[in-house]
Amino acid sequence: MTTESSTKAEHVISQRFSDAWDAYKKRDAAGLSALLAAEYTAVNPDGTLHLGKPTLQDIAAAPIVGYSLSEVRVEMLEPEVALVTGVAEVETPGGARARLVVGEIWVKQSGQWLCRYYQGTPTK
């Protein structure tokens, strides 16, 4: 059952999900870091595991120049835990394009919704 508070949380999380993609595209490591939990973990599209928040050097090693998000869905698992899924179409500086199915876990810590886990899986 959806409550007013869960609907508000879903909206906030959806916006922060989009904000994180914007920060990554802009290579704004500080802006992205502000949206990530201290214990952030990522499984990158190439299958590598990254523990901790990405640095500017990490972002520069896998830059994107464009992206679009679709099929974004926020599901509240608990009052302070949400699963975000969606599809990301990304473009790299060399013009390569990739389609990723994305899954993220967002947690509420100290009153803020933060991404705790990310996985981007390439798809056709």
PDB file of N, CA and C in Angstrom:
ATOM      1  N   MET A   1       0.845  -1.176   0.000  1.00  0.00           N
ATOM      2  CA  MET A   1       0.000   0.000   0.000  1.00  0.00           C
ATOM      3  C   MET A   1       0.891   1.240   0.000  1.00  0.00           C
ATOM      4  N   THR A   2       0.648   2.137  -0.905  1.00  0.00           N
ATOM      5  CA  THR A   2       1.423   3.362  -1.009  1.00  0.00           C
ATOM      6  C   THR A   2       0.852   4.407  -0.068  1.00  0.00           C
ATOM      7  N   THR A   3       1.719   4.996   0.722  1.00  0.00           N
ATOM      8  CA  THR A   3       1.301   6.066   1.617  1.00  0.00           C
ATOM      9  C   THR A   3       1.829   7.381   1.087  1.00  0.00           C
ATOM     10  N   GLU A   4       1.329   8.473   1.642  1.00  0.00           N
ATOM     11  CA  GLU A   4       1.784   9.791   1.214  1.00  0.00           C
ATOM     12  C   GLU A   4       3.281   9.944   1.461  1.00  0.00           C
ATOM     13  N   SER A   5       3.773   9.427   2.609  1.00  0.00           N
ATOM     14  CA  SER A   5       5.198   9.557   2.910  1.00  0.00           C
ATOM     15  C   SER A   5       6.049   8.708   1.967  1.00  0.00           C
ATOM     16  N   SER A   6       5.571   7.518   1.582  1.00  0.00           N
ATOM     17  CA  SER A   6       6.360   6.708   0.652  1.00  0.00           C
ATOM     18  C   SER A   6       6.336   7.316  -0.745  1.00  0.00           C
ATOM     19  N   THR A   7       5.217   7.932  -1.135  1.00  0.00           N
ATOM     20  CA  THR A   7       5.146   8.590  -2.436  1.00  0.00           C
ATOM     21  C   THR A   7       6.123   9.772  -2.480  1.00  0.00           C
ATOM     22  N   LYS A   8       6.195  10.532  -1.390  1.00  0.00           N
ATOM     23  CA  LYS A   8       7.138  11.652  -1.322  1.00  0.00           C
ATOM     24  C   LYS A   8       8.574  11.132  -1.386  1.00  0.00           C
ATOM     25  N   ALA A   9       8.875  10.069  -0.648  1.00  0.00           N
ATOM     26  CA  ALA A   9      10.214   9.490  -0.656  1.00  0.00           C
ATOM     27  C   ALA A   9      10.564   9.006  -2.058  1.00  0.00           C
ATOM     28  N   GLU A  10       9.640   8.356  -2.730  1.00  0.00           N
ATOM     29  CA  GLU A  10       9.888   7.869  -4.092  1.00  0.00           C
ATOM     30  C   GLU A  10      10.238   9.020  -5.027  1.00  0.00           C
ATOM     31  N   HIS A  11       9.548  10.138  -4.893  1.00  0.00           N
ATOM     32  CA  HIS A  11       9.824  11.317  -5.722  1.00  0.00           C
ATOM     33  C   HIS A  11      11.224  11.861  -5.431  1.00  0.00           C
ATOM     34  N   VAL A  12      11.563  11.996  -4.153  1.00  0.00           N
ATOM     35  CA  VAL A  12      12.877  12.515  -3.756  1.00  0.00           C
ATOM     36  C   VAL A  12      13.979  11.588  -4.265  1.00  0.00           C
ATOM     37  N   ILE A  13      13.803  10.291  -4.086  1.00  0.00           N
ATOM     38  CA  ILE A  13      14.815   9.327  -4.516  1.00  0.00           C
ATOM     39  C   ILE A  13      14.970   9.362  -6.032  1.00  0.00           C
ATOM     40  N   SER A  14      13.876   9.418  -6.758  1.00  0.00           N
ATOM     41  CA  SER A  14      13.930   9.483  -8.225  1.00  0.00           C
ATOM     42  C   SER A  14      14.710  10.704  -8.685  1.00  0.00           C
ATOM     43  N   GLN A  15      14.496  11.843  -8.034  1.00  0.00           N
ATOM     44  CA  GLN A  15      15.221  13.070  -8.381  1.00  0.00           C
ATOM     45  C   GLN A  15      16.705  12.933  -8.064  1.00  0.00           C
ATOM     46  N   ARG A  16      17.024  12.349  -6.908  1.00  0.00           N
ATOM     47  CA  ARG A  16      18.426  12.188  -6.528  1.00  0.00           C
ATOM     48  C   ARG A  16      19.131  11.177  -7.434  1.00  0.00           C
ATOM     49  N   PHE A  17      18.411  10.169  -7.895  1.00  0.00           N
ATOM     50  CA  PHE A  17      18.933   9.199  -8.860  1.00  0.00           C
ATOM     51  C   PHE A  17      19.363   9.933 -10.131  1.00  0.00           C
ATOM     52  N   SER A  18      18.497  10.798 -10.625  1.00  0.00           N
ATOM     53  CA  SER A  18      18.794  11.599 -11.817  1.00  0.00           C
ATOM     54  C   SER A  18      19.944  12.581 -11.540  1.00  0.00           C
ATOM     55  N   ASP A  19      19.946  13.198 -10.358  1.00  0.00           N
ATOM     56  CA  ASP A  19      21.012  14.130  -9.984  1.00  0.00           C
ATOM     57  C   ASP A  19      22.377  13.436  -9.979  1.00  0.00           C
ATOM     58  N   ALA A  20      22.414  12.188  -9.526  1.00  0.00           N
ATOM     59  CA  ALA A  20      23.674  11.444  -9.494  1.00  0.00           C
ATOM     60  C   ALA A  20      24.200  11.217 -10.910  1.00  0.00           C
ATOM     61  N   TRP A  21      23.303  10.879 -11.838  1.00  0.00           N
ATOM     62  CA  TRP A  21      23.716  10.707 -13.236  1.00  0.00           C
ATOM     63  C   TRP A  21      24.224  12.030 -13.812  1.00  0.00           C
ATOM     64  N   ASP A  22      23.557  13.135 -13.485  1.00  0.00           N
ATOM     65  CA  ASP A  22      23.999  14.452 -13.950  1.00  0.00           C
ATOM     66  C   ASP A  22      25.396  14.767 -13.425  1.00  0.00           C
ATOM     67  N   ALA A  23      25.615  14.521 -12.138  1.00  0.00           N
ATOM     68  CA  ALA A  23      26.921  14.812 -11.533  1.00  0.00           C
ATOM     69  C   ALA A  23      28.010  13.969 -12.193  1.00  0.00           C
ATOM     70  N   TYR A  24      27.717  12.703 -12.465  1.00  0.00           N
ATOM     71  CA  TYR A  24      28.715  11.847 -13.117  1.00  0.00           C
ATOM     72  C   TYR A  24      29.046  12.384 -14.510  1.00  0.00           C
ATOM     73  N   LYS A  25      28.022  12.730 -15.274  1.00  0.00           N
ATOM     74  CA  LYS A  25      28.246  13.244 -16.626  1.00  0.00           C
ATOM     75  C   LYS A  25      29.096  14.510 -16.599  1.00  0.00           C
ATOM     76  N   LYS A  26      28.854  15.384 -15.620  1.00  0.00           N
ATOM     77  CA  LYS A  26      29.595  16.645 -15.498  1.00  0.00           C
ATOM     78  C   LYS A  26      30.972  16.447 -14.866  1.00  0.00           C
ATOM     79  N   ARG A  27      31.290  15.210 -14.493  1.00  0.00           N
ATOM     80  CA  ARG A  27      32.552  14.894 -13.797  1.00  0.00           C
ATOM     81  C   ARG A  27      32.659  15.677 -12.487  1.00  0.00           C
ATOM     82  N   ASP A  28      31.534  15.820 -11.823  1.00  0.00           N
ATOM     83  CA  ASP A  28      31.454  16.533 -10.551  1.00  0.00           C
ATOM     84  C   ASP A  28      31.562  15.516  -9.410  1.00  0.00           C
ATOM     85  N   ALA A  29      32.798  15.158  -9.072  1.00  0.00           N
ATOM     86  CA  ALA A  29      33.023  14.133  -8.047  1.00  0.00           C
ATOM     87  C   ALA A  29      32.459  14.555  -6.695  1.00  0.00           C
ATOM     88  N   ALA A  30      32.585  15.825  -6.351  1.00  0.00           N
ATOM     89  CA  ALA A  30      32.060  16.305  -5.065  1.00  0.00           C
ATOM     90  C   ALA A  30      30.538  16.246  -5.043  1.00  0.00           C
ATOM     91  N   GLY A  31      29.911  16.667  -6.131  1.00  0.00           N
ATOM     92  CA  GLY A  31      28.455  16.615  -6.215  1.00  0.00           C
ATOM     93  C   GLY A  31      27.944  15.183  -6.157  1.00  0.00           C
ATOM     94  N   LEU A  32      28.627  14.282  -6.853  1.00  0.00           N
ATOM     95  CA  LEU A  32      28.239  12.876  -6.829  1.00  0.00           C
ATOM     96  C   LEU A  32      28.451  12.295  -5.438  1.00  0.00           C
ATOM     97  N   SER A  33      29.575  12.606  -4.835  1.00  0.00           N
ATOM     98  CA  SER A  33      29.896  12.101  -3.504  1.00  0.00           C
ATOM     99  C   SER A  33      28.826  12.473  -2.480  1.00  0.00           C
ATOM    100  N   ALA A  34      28.260  13.670  -2.615  1.00  0.00           N
ATOM    101  CA  ALA A  34      27.224  14.127  -1.688  1.00  0.00           C
ATOM    102  C   ALA A  34      25.949  13.288  -1.785  1.00  0.00           C
ATOM    103  N   LEU A  35      25.801  12.531  -2.870  1.00  0.00           N
ATOM    104  CA  LEU A  35      24.618  11.692  -3.075  1.00  0.00           C
ATOM    105  C   LEU A  35      24.869  10.226  -2.736  1.00  0.00           C
ATOM    106  N   LEU A  36      26.092   9.919  -2.312  1.00  0.00           N
ATOM    107  CA  LEU A  36      26.481   8.534  -2.055  1.00  0.00           C
ATOM    108  C   LEU A  36      26.743   8.295  -0.572  1.00  0.00           C
ATOM    109  N   ALA A  37      26.357   7.100  -0.097  1.00  0.00           N
ATOM    110  CA  ALA A  37      26.638   6.707   1.285  1.00  0.00           C
ATOM    111  C   ALA A  37      28.139   6.464   1.447  1.00  0.00           C
ATOM    112  N   ALA A  38      28.634   6.638   2.650  1.00  0.00           N
ATOM    113  CA  ALA A  38      30.057   6.421   2.928  1.00  0.00           C
ATOM    114  C   ALA A  38      30.474   4.995   2.551  1.00  0.00           C
ATOM    115  N   GLU A  39      29.553   4.041   2.676  1.00  0.00           N
ATOM    116  CA  GLU A  39      29.839   2.628   2.394  1.00  0.00           C
ATOM    117  C   GLU A  39      29.515   2.253   0.954  1.00  0.00           C
ATOM    118  N   TYR A  40      29.443   3.216   0.065  1.00  0.00           N
ATOM    119  CA  TYR A  40      29.045   2.993  -1.325  1.00  0.00           C
ATOM    120  C   TYR A  40      29.874   1.895  -1.986  1.00  0.00           C
ATOM    121  N   THR A  41      29.172   1.038  -2.717  1.00  0.00           N
ATOM    122  CA  THR A  41      29.789  -0.042  -3.482  1.00  0.00           C
ATOM    123  C   THR A  41      29.172  -0.043  -4.862  1.00  0.00           C
ATOM    124  N   ALA A  42      30.014  -0.259  -5.891  1.00  0.00           N
ATOM    125  CA  ALA A  42      29.502  -0.315  -7.264  1.00  0.00           C
ATOM    126  C   ALA A  42      30.028  -1.566  -7.960  1.00  0.00           C
ATOM    127  N   VAL A  43      29.148  -2.190  -8.731  1.00  0.00           N
ATOM    128  CA  VAL A  43      29.552  -3.218  -9.684  1.00  0.00           C
ATOM    129  C   VAL A  43      29.400  -2.544 -11.043  1.00  0.00           C
ATOM    130  N   ASN A  44      30.538  -2.236 -11.652  1.00  0.00           N
ATOM    131  CA  ASN A  44      30.560  -1.482 -12.897  1.00  0.00           C
ATOM    132  C   ASN A  44      30.123  -2.332 -14.088  1.00  0.00           C
ATOM    133  N   PRO A  45      29.750  -1.688 -15.188  1.00  0.00           N
ATOM    134  CA  PRO A  45      29.300  -2.431 -16.367  1.00  0.00           C
ATOM    135  C   PRO A  45      30.312  -3.450 -16.901  1.00  0.00           C
ATOM    136  N   ASP A  46      31.598  -3.225 -16.623  1.00  0.00           N
ATOM    137  CA  ASP A  46      32.612  -4.196 -17.071  1.00  0.00           C
ATOM    138  C   ASP A  46      32.789  -5.344 -16.082  1.00  0.00           C
ATOM    139  N   GLY A  47      32.004  -5.334 -15.006  1.00  0.00           N
ATOM    140  CA  GLY A  47      32.053  -6.403 -14.015  1.00  0.00           C
ATOM    141  C   GLY A  47      32.987  -6.154 -12.858  1.00  0.00           C
ATOM    142  N   THR A  48      33.733  -5.053 -12.882  1.00  0.00           N
ATOM    143  CA  THR A  48      34.653  -4.768 -11.784  1.00  0.00           C
ATOM    144  C   THR A  48      33.898  -4.252 -10.567  1.00  0.00           C
ATOM    145  N   LEU A  49      34.447  -4.576  -9.413  1.00  0.00           N
ATOM    146  CA  LEU A  49      33.883  -4.138  -8.142  1.00  0.00           C
ATOM    147  C   LEU A  49      34.649  -2.916  -7.671  1.00  0.00           C
ATOM    148  N   HIS A  50      33.924  -1.869  -7.279  1.00  0.00           N
ATOM    149  CA  HIS A  50      34.559  -0.651  -6.770  1.00  0.00           C
ATOM    150  C   HIS A  50      33.990  -0.376  -5.384  1.00  0.00           C
ATOM    151  N   LEU A  51      34.869  -0.365  -4.396  1.00  0.00           N
ATOM    152  CA  LEU A  51      34.465  -0.070  -3.019  1.00  0.00           C
ATOM    153  C   LEU A  51      34.767   1.381  -2.718  1.00  0.00           C
ATOM    154  N   GLY A  52      33.795   2.104  -2.226  1.00  0.00           N
ATOM    155  CA  GLY A  52      33.986   3.507  -1.885  1.00  0.00           C
ATOM    156  C   GLY A  52      33.489   4.430  -2.988  1.00  0.00           C
ATOM    157  N   LYS A  53      33.426   5.695  -2.639  1.00  0.00           N
ATOM    158  CA  LYS A  53      32.935   6.705  -3.582  1.00  0.00           C
ATOM    159  C   LYS A  53      33.944   6.904  -4.708  1.00  0.00           C
ATOM    160  N   PRO A  54      33.460   7.130  -5.934  1.00  0.00           N
ATOM    161  CA  PRO A  54      34.400   7.353  -7.033  1.00  0.00           C
ATOM    162  C   PRO A  54      35.086   8.717  -6.913  1.00  0.00           C
ATOM    163  N   THR A  55      36.349   8.728  -7.298  1.00  0.00           N
ATOM    164  CA  THR A  55      37.120   9.968  -7.332  1.00  0.00           C
ATOM    165  C   THR A  55      36.969  10.584  -8.725  1.00  0.00           C
ATOM    166  N   LEU A  56      37.475  11.788  -8.870  1.00  0.00           N
ATOM    167  CA  LEU A  56      37.486  12.424 -10.183  1.00  0.00           C
ATOM    168  C   LEU A  56      38.257  11.558 -11.181  1.00  0.00           C
ATOM    169  N   GLN A  57      39.337  10.942 -10.731  1.00  0.00           N
ATOM    170  CA  GLN A  57      40.130  10.070 -11.603  1.00  0.00           C
ATOM    171  C   GLN A  57      39.330   8.842 -12.033  1.00  0.00           C
ATOM    172  N   ASP A  58      38.525   8.293 -11.120  1.00  0.00           N
ATOM    173  CA  ASP A  58      37.672   7.147 -11.460  1.00  0.00           C
ATOM    174  C   ASP A  58      36.659   7.545 -12.531  1.00  0.00           C
ATOM    175  N   ILE A  59      36.038   8.707 -12.363  1.00  0.00           N
ATOM    176  CA  ILE A  59      35.037   9.180 -13.322  1.00  0.00           C
ATOM    177  C   ILE A  59      35.708   9.460 -14.667  1.00  0.00           C
ATOM    178  N   ALA A  60      36.883  10.102 -14.640  1.00  0.00           N
ATOM    179  CA  ALA A  60      37.595  10.430 -15.880  1.00  0.00           C
ATOM    180  C   ALA A  60      38.012   9.175 -16.642  1.00  0.00           C
ATOM    181  N   ALA A  61      38.193   8.068 -15.943  1.00  0.00           N
ATOM    182  CA  ALA A  61      38.598   6.811 -16.586  1.00  0.00           C
ATOM    183  C   ALA A  61      37.438   6.158 -17.346  1.00  0.00           C
ATOM    184  N   ALA A  62      36.211   6.531 -17.028  1.00  0.00           N
ATOM    185  CA  ALA A  62      35.028   5.965 -17.699  1.00  0.00           C
ATOM    186  C   ALA A  62      33.990   7.064 -17.914  1.00  0.00           C
ATOM    187  N   PRO A  63      34.354   8.117 -18.678  1.00  0.00           N
ATOM    188  CA  PRO A  63      33.458   9.266 -18.819  1.00  0.00           C
ATOM    189  C   PRO A  63      32.266   8.980 -19.737  1.00  0.00           C
ATOM    190  N   ILE A  64      31.227   9.760 -19.537  1.00  0.00           N
ATOM    191  CA  ILE A  64      30.088   9.754 -20.462  1.00  0.00           C
ATOM    192  C   ILE A  64      29.828  11.192 -20.895  1.00  0.00           C
ATOM    193  N   VAL A  65      29.344  11.358 -22.118  1.00  0.00           N
ATOM    194  CA  VAL A  65      29.023  12.703 -22.610  1.00  0.00           C
ATOM    195  C   VAL A  65      27.515  12.890 -22.742  1.00  0.00           C
ATOM    196  N   GLY A  66      26.783  11.810 -22.641  1.00  0.00           N
ATOM    197  CA  GLY A  66      25.337  11.900 -22.724  1.00  0.00           C
ATOM    198  C   GLY A  66      24.701  10.664 -22.130  1.00  0.00           C
ATOM    199  N   TYR A  67      23.460  10.820 -21.705  1.00  0.00           N
ATOM    200  CA  TYR A  67      22.712   9.678 -21.175  1.00  0.00           C
ATOM    201  C   TYR A  67      21.227   9.999 -21.209  1.00  0.00           C
ATOM    202  N   SER A  68      20.433   8.962 -21.199  1.00  0.00           N
ATOM    203  CA  SER A  68      18.994   9.120 -20.974  1.00  0.00           C
ATOM    204  C   SER A  68      18.553   7.976 -20.082  1.00  0.00           C
ATOM    205  N   LEU A  69      17.622   8.264 -19.211  1.00  0.00           N
ATOM    206  CA  LEU A  69      17.091   7.272 -18.282  1.00  0.00           C
ATOM    207  C   LEU A  69      15.646   6.975 -18.646  1.00  0.00           C
ATOM    208  N   SER A  70      15.279   5.717 -18.589  1.00  0.00           N
ATOM    209  CA  SER A  70      13.887   5.330 -18.847  1.00  0.00           C
ATOM    210  C   SER A  70      13.511   4.174 -17.930  1.00  0.00           C
ATOM    211  N   GLU A  71      12.240   3.911 -17.887  1.00  0.00           N
ATOM    212  CA  GLU A  71      11.696   2.800 -17.092  1.00  0.00           C
ATOM    213  C   GLU A  71      12.142   2.866 -15.633  1.00  0.00           C
ATOM    214  N   VAL A  72      12.349   4.079 -15.126  1.00  0.00           N
ATOM    215  CA  VAL A  72      12.802   4.251 -13.746  1.00  0.00           C
ATOM    216  C   VAL A  72      11.661   3.902 -12.801  1.00  0.00           C
ATOM    217  N   ARG A  73      11.996   3.059 -11.863  1.00  0.00           N
ATOM    218  CA  ARG A  73      11.004   2.601 -10.884  1.00  0.00           C
ATOM    219  C   ARG A  73      11.638   2.637  -9.495  1.00  0.00           C
ATOM    220  N   VAL A  74      10.948   3.212  -8.545  1.00  0.00           N
ATOM    221  CA  VAL A  74      11.400   3.250  -7.158  1.00  0.00           C
ATOM    222  C   VAL A  74      10.447   2.386  -6.347  1.00  0.00           C
ATOM    223  N   GLU A  75      11.011   1.410  -5.655  1.00  0.00           N
ATOM    224  CA  GLU A  75      10.206   0.528  -4.812  1.00  0.00           C
ATOM    225  C   GLU A  75      10.711   0.629  -3.381  1.00  0.00           C
ATOM    226  N   MET A  76       9.841   1.040  -2.492  1.00  0.00           N
ATOM    227  CA  MET A  76      10.210   1.149  -1.088  1.00  0.00           C
ATOM    228  C   MET A  76      10.234  -0.256  -0.484  1.00  0.00           C
ATOM    229  N   LEU A  77      11.411  -0.686  -0.016  1.00  0.00           N
ATOM    230  CA  LEU A  77      11.543  -2.001   0.603  1.00  0.00           C
ATOM    231  C   LEU A  77      11.268  -1.929   2.099  1.00  0.00           C
ATOM    232  N   GLU A  78      11.648  -0.819   2.676  1.00  0.00           N
ATOM    233  CA  GLU A  78      11.438  -0.483   4.080  1.00  0.00           C
ATOM    234  C   GLU A  78      11.263   1.030   4.118  1.00  0.00           C
ATOM    235  N   PRO A  79      10.817   1.601   5.219  1.00  0.00           N
ATOM    236  CA  PRO A  79      10.649   3.062   5.254  1.00  0.00           C
ATOM    237  C   PRO A  79      11.924   3.846   4.918  1.00  0.00           C
ATOM    238  N   GLU A  80      13.105   3.268   5.165  1.00  0.00           N
ATOM    239  CA  GLU A  80      14.350   3.984   4.902  1.00  0.00           C
ATOM    240  C   GLU A  80      15.269   3.225   3.944  1.00  0.00           C
ATOM    241  N   VAL A  81      14.685   2.346   3.117  1.00  0.00           N
ATOM    242  CA  VAL A  81      15.451   1.589   2.128  1.00  0.00           C
ATOM    243  C   VAL A  81      14.608   1.472   0.854  1.00  0.00           C
ATOM    244  N   ALA A  82      15.235   1.802  -0.283  1.00  0.00           N
ATOM    245  CA  ALA A  82      14.508   1.728  -1.556  1.00  0.00           C
ATOM    246  C   ALA A  82      15.373   1.067  -2.623  1.00  0.00           C
ATOM    247  N   LEU A  83      14.707   0.359  -3.515  1.00  0.00           N
ATOM    248  CA  LEU A  83      15.339  -0.227  -4.692  1.00  0.00           C
ATOM    249  C   LEU A  83      14.949   0.629  -5.887  1.00  0.00           C
ATOM    250  N   VAL A  84      15.942   1.074  -6.651  1.00  0.00           N
ATOM    251  CA  VAL A  84      15.690   1.849  -7.864  1.00  0.00           C
ATOM    252  C   VAL A  84      16.182   1.012  -9.042  1.00  0.00           C
ATOM    253  N   THR A  85      15.319   0.841 -10.028  1.00  0.00           N
ATOM    254  CA  THR A  85      15.713   0.136 -11.244  1.00  0.00           C
ATOM    255  C   THR A  85      15.359   0.997 -12.442  1.00  0.00           C
ATOM    256  N   GLY A  86      16.061   0.758 -13.537  1.00  0.00           N
ATOM    257  CA  GLY A  86      15.775   1.507 -14.751  1.00  0.00           C
ATOM    258  C   GLY A  86      16.728   1.119 -15.860  1.00  0.00           C
ATOM    259  N   VAL A  87      16.593   1.809 -16.965  1.00  0.00           N
ATOM    260  CA  VAL A  87      17.447   1.592 -18.126  1.00  0.00           C
ATOM    261  C   VAL A  87      18.169   2.898 -18.407  1.00  0.00           C
ATOM    262  N   ALA A  88      19.485   2.801 -18.615  1.00  0.00           N
ATOM    263  CA  ALA A  88      20.289   3.968 -18.966  1.00  0.00           C
ATOM    264  C   ALA A  88      20.899   3.741 -20.342  1.00  0.00           C
ATOM    265  N   GLU A  89      20.695   4.704 -21.221  1.00  0.00           N
ATOM    266  CA  GLU A  89      21.361   4.715 -22.526  1.00  0.00           C
ATOM    267  C   GLU A  89      22.478   5.733 -22.386  1.00  0.00           C
ATOM    268  N   VAL A  90      23.735   5.295 -22.534  1.00  0.00           N
ATOM    269  CA  VAL A  90      24.862   6.199 -22.329  1.00  0.00           C
ATOM    270  C   VAL A  90      25.703   6.323 -23.593  1.00  0.00           C
ATOM    271  N   GLU A  91      26.357   7.485 -23.712  1.00  0.00           N
ATOM    272  CA  GLU A  91      27.258   7.741 -24.830  1.00  0.00           C
ATOM    273  C   GLU A  91      28.596   8.178 -24.265  1.00  0.00           C
ATOM    274  N   THR A  92      29.679   7.613 -24.809  1.00  0.00           N
ATOM    275  CA  THR A  92      31.031   7.952 -24.367  1.00  0.00           C
ATOM    276  C   THR A  92      31.617   9.022 -25.284  1.00  0.00           C
ATOM    277  N   PRO A  93      32.726   9.653 -24.876  1.00  0.00           N
ATOM    278  CA  PRO A  93      33.333  10.696 -25.710  1.00  0.00           C
ATOM    279  C   PRO A  93      33.675  10.228 -27.128  1.00  0.00           C
ATOM    280  N   GLY A  94      34.000   8.973 -27.324  1.00  0.00           N
ATOM    281  CA  GLY A  94      34.322   8.457 -28.652  1.00  0.00           C
ATOM    282  C   GLY A  94      33.106   8.141 -29.502  1.00  0.00           C
ATOM    283  N   GLY A  95      31.921   8.367 -28.970  1.00  0.00           N
ATOM    284  CA  GLY A  95      30.693   8.120 -29.715  1.00  0.00           C
ATOM    285  C   GLY A  95      30.100   6.739 -29.514  1.00  0.00           C
ATOM    286  N   ALA A  96      30.761   5.897 -28.722  1.00  0.00           N
ATOM    287  CA  ALA A  96      30.202   4.575 -28.438  1.00  0.00           C
ATOM    288  C   ALA A  96      28.957   4.728 -27.576  1.00  0.00           C
ATOM    289  N   ARG A  97      28.011   3.843 -27.807  1.00  0.00           N
ATOM    290  CA  ARG A  97      26.767   3.856 -27.033  1.00  0.00           C
ATOM    291  C   ARG A  97      26.595   2.521 -26.333  1.00  0.00           C
ATOM    292  N   ALA A  98      25.992   2.571 -25.161  1.00  0.00           N
ATOM    293  CA  ALA A  98      25.716   1.357 -24.403  1.00  0.00           C
ATOM    294  C   ALA A  98      24.343   1.487 -23.756  1.00  0.00           C
ATOM    295  N   ARG A  99      23.706   0.361 -23.605  1.00  0.00           N
ATOM    296  CA  ARG A  99      22.414   0.297 -22.912  1.00  0.00           C
ATOM    297  C   ARG A  99      22.637  -0.530 -21.659  1.00  0.00           C
ATOM    298  N   LEU A 100      22.323   0.047 -20.512  1.00  0.00           N
ATOM    299  CA  LEU A 100      22.534  -0.613 -19.227  1.00  0.00           C
ATOM    300  C   LEU A 100      21.216  -0.779 -18.490  1.00  0.00           C
ATOM    301  N   VAL A 101      21.022  -1.930 -17.898  1.00  0.00           N
ATOM    302  CA  VAL A 101      19.958  -2.102 -16.919  1.00  0.00           C
ATOM    303  C   VAL A 101      20.605  -1.778 -15.580  1.00  0.00           C
ATOM    304  N   VAL A 102      20.022  -0.834 -14.873  1.00  0.00           N
ATOM    305  CA  VAL A 102      20.623  -0.304 -13.656  1.00  0.00           C
ATOM    306  C   VAL A 102      19.783  -0.696 -12.445  1.00  0.00           C
ATOM    307  N   GLY A 103      20.478  -1.072 -11.390  1.00  0.00           N
ATOM    308  CA  GLY A 103      19.847  -1.324 -10.105  1.00  0.00           C
ATOM    309  C   GLY A 103      20.621  -0.606  -9.026  1.00  0.00           C
ATOM    310  N   GLU A 104      19.922   0.076  -8.146  1.00  0.00           N
ATOM    311  CA  GLU A 104      20.569   0.798  -7.055  1.00  0.00           C
ATOM    312  C   GLU A 104      19.779   0.594  -5.768  1.00  0.00           C
ATOM    313  N   ILE A 105      20.493   0.588  -4.664  1.00  0.00           N
ATOM    314  CA  ILE A 105      19.867   0.586  -3.345  1.00  0.00           C
ATOM    315  C   ILE A 105      20.124   1.955  -2.730  1.00  0.00           C
ATOM    316  N   TRP A 106      19.048   2.606  -2.315  1.00  0.00           N
ATOM    317  CA  TRP A 106      19.132   3.913  -1.661  1.00  0.00           C
ATOM    318  C   TRP A 106      18.698   3.755  -0.207  1.00  0.00           C
ATOM    319  N   VAL A 107      19.420   4.415   0.694  1.00  0.00           N
ATOM    320  CA  VAL A 107      19.133   4.342   2.126  1.00  0.00           C
ATOM    321  C   VAL A 107      19.022   5.757   2.688  1.00  0.00           C
ATOM    322  N   LYS A 108      18.193   5.889   3.683  1.00  0.00           N
ATOM    323  CA  LYS A 108      18.053   7.196   4.338  1.00  0.00           C
ATOM    324  C   LYS A 108      18.978   7.215   5.554  1.00  0.00           C
ATOM    325  N   GLN A 109      19.948   8.139   5.518  1.00  0.00           N
ATOM    326  CA  GLN A 109      20.910   8.287   6.606  1.00  0.00           C
ATOM    327  C   GLN A 109      20.960   9.753   7.015  1.00  0.00           C
ATOM    328  N   SER A 110      20.809   9.997   8.298  1.00  0.00           N
ATOM    329  CA  SER A 110      20.842  11.370   8.830  1.00  0.00           C
ATOM    330  C   SER A 110      19.894  12.286   8.059  1.00  0.00           C
ATOM    331  N   GLY A 111      18.722  11.757   7.704  1.00  0.00           N
ATOM    332  CA  GLY A 111      17.693  12.553   7.041  1.00  0.00           C
ATOM    333  C   GLY A 111      17.864  12.713   5.542  1.00  0.00           C
ATOM    334  N   GLN A 112      18.915  12.137   4.961  1.00  0.00           N
ATOM    335  CA  GLN A 112      19.184  12.276   3.527  1.00  0.00           C
ATOM    336  C   GLN A 112      19.116  10.918   2.829  1.00  0.00           C
ATOM    337  N   TRP A 113      18.540  10.901   1.625  1.00  0.00           N
ATOM    338  CA  TRP A 113      18.547   9.691   0.811  1.00  0.00           C
ATOM    339  C   TRP A 113      19.865   9.612   0.055  1.00  0.00           C
ATOM    340  N   LEU A 114      20.603   8.499   0.253  1.00  0.00           N
ATOM    341  CA  LEU A 114      21.919   8.306  -0.343  1.00  0.00           C
ATOM    342  C   LEU A 114      21.981   6.953  -1.045  1.00  0.00           C
ATOM    343  N   CYS A 115      22.702   6.912  -2.142  1.00  0.00           N
ATOM    344  CA  CYS A 115      22.884   5.662  -2.862  1.00  0.00           C
ATOM    345  C   CYS A 115      23.941   4.834  -2.143  1.00  0.00           C
ATOM    346  N   ARG A 116      23.578   3.621  -1.789  1.00  0.00           N
ATOM    347  CA  ARG A 116      24.486   2.709  -1.073  1.00  0.00           C
ATOM    348  C   ARG A 116      25.125   1.700  -2.019  1.00  0.00           C
ATOM    349  N   TYR A 117      24.397   1.345  -3.101  1.00  0.00           N
ATOM    350  CA  TYR A 117      24.866   0.286  -4.012  1.00  0.00           C
ATOM    351  C   TYR A 117      24.381   0.580  -5.429  1.00  0.00           C
ATOM    352  N   TYR A 118      25.268   0.339  -6.389  1.00  0.00           N
ATOM    353  CA  TYR A 118      24.955   0.523  -7.812  1.00  0.00           C
ATOM    354  C   TYR A 118      25.424  -0.688  -8.585  1.00  0.00           C
ATOM    355  N   GLN A 119      24.613  -1.113  -9.541  1.00  0.00           N
ATOM    356  CA  GLN A 119      25.060  -2.103 -10.516  1.00  0.00           C
ATOM    357  C   GLN A 119      24.485  -1.748 -11.862  1.00  0.00           C
ATOM    358  N   GLY A 120      25.362  -1.644 -12.855  1.00  0.00           N
ATOM    359  CA  GLY A 120      24.956  -1.391 -14.239  1.00  0.00           C
ATOM    360  C   GLY A 120      25.319  -2.593 -15.085  1.00  0.00           C
ATOM    361  N   THR A 121      24.328  -3.222 -15.668  1.00  0.00           N
ATOM    362  CA  THR A 121      24.553  -4.421 -16.472  1.00  0.00           C
ATOM    363  C   THR A 121      24.280  -4.126 -17.934  1.00  0.00           C
ATOM    364  N   PRO A 122      25.296  -4.310 -18.796  1.00  0.00           N
ATOM    365  CA  PRO A 122      25.076  -4.070 -20.232  1.00  0.00           C
ATOM    366  C   PRO A 122      24.030  -5.034 -20.788  1.00  0.00           C
ATOM    367  N   THR A 123      23.228  -4.528 -21.694  1.00  0.00           N
ATOM    368  CA  THR A 123      22.205  -5.330 -22.339  1.00  0.00           C
ATOM    369  C   THR A 123      22.147  -4.955 -23.812  1.00  0.00           C
ATOM    370  N   LYS A 124      21.488  -5.771 -24.578  1.00  0.00           N
ATOM    371  CA  LYS A 124      21.372  -5.494 -26.017  1.00  0.00           C
ATOM    372  C   LYS A 124      20.102  -4.731 -26.313  1.00  0.00           C
TER     373      LYS A 124
END
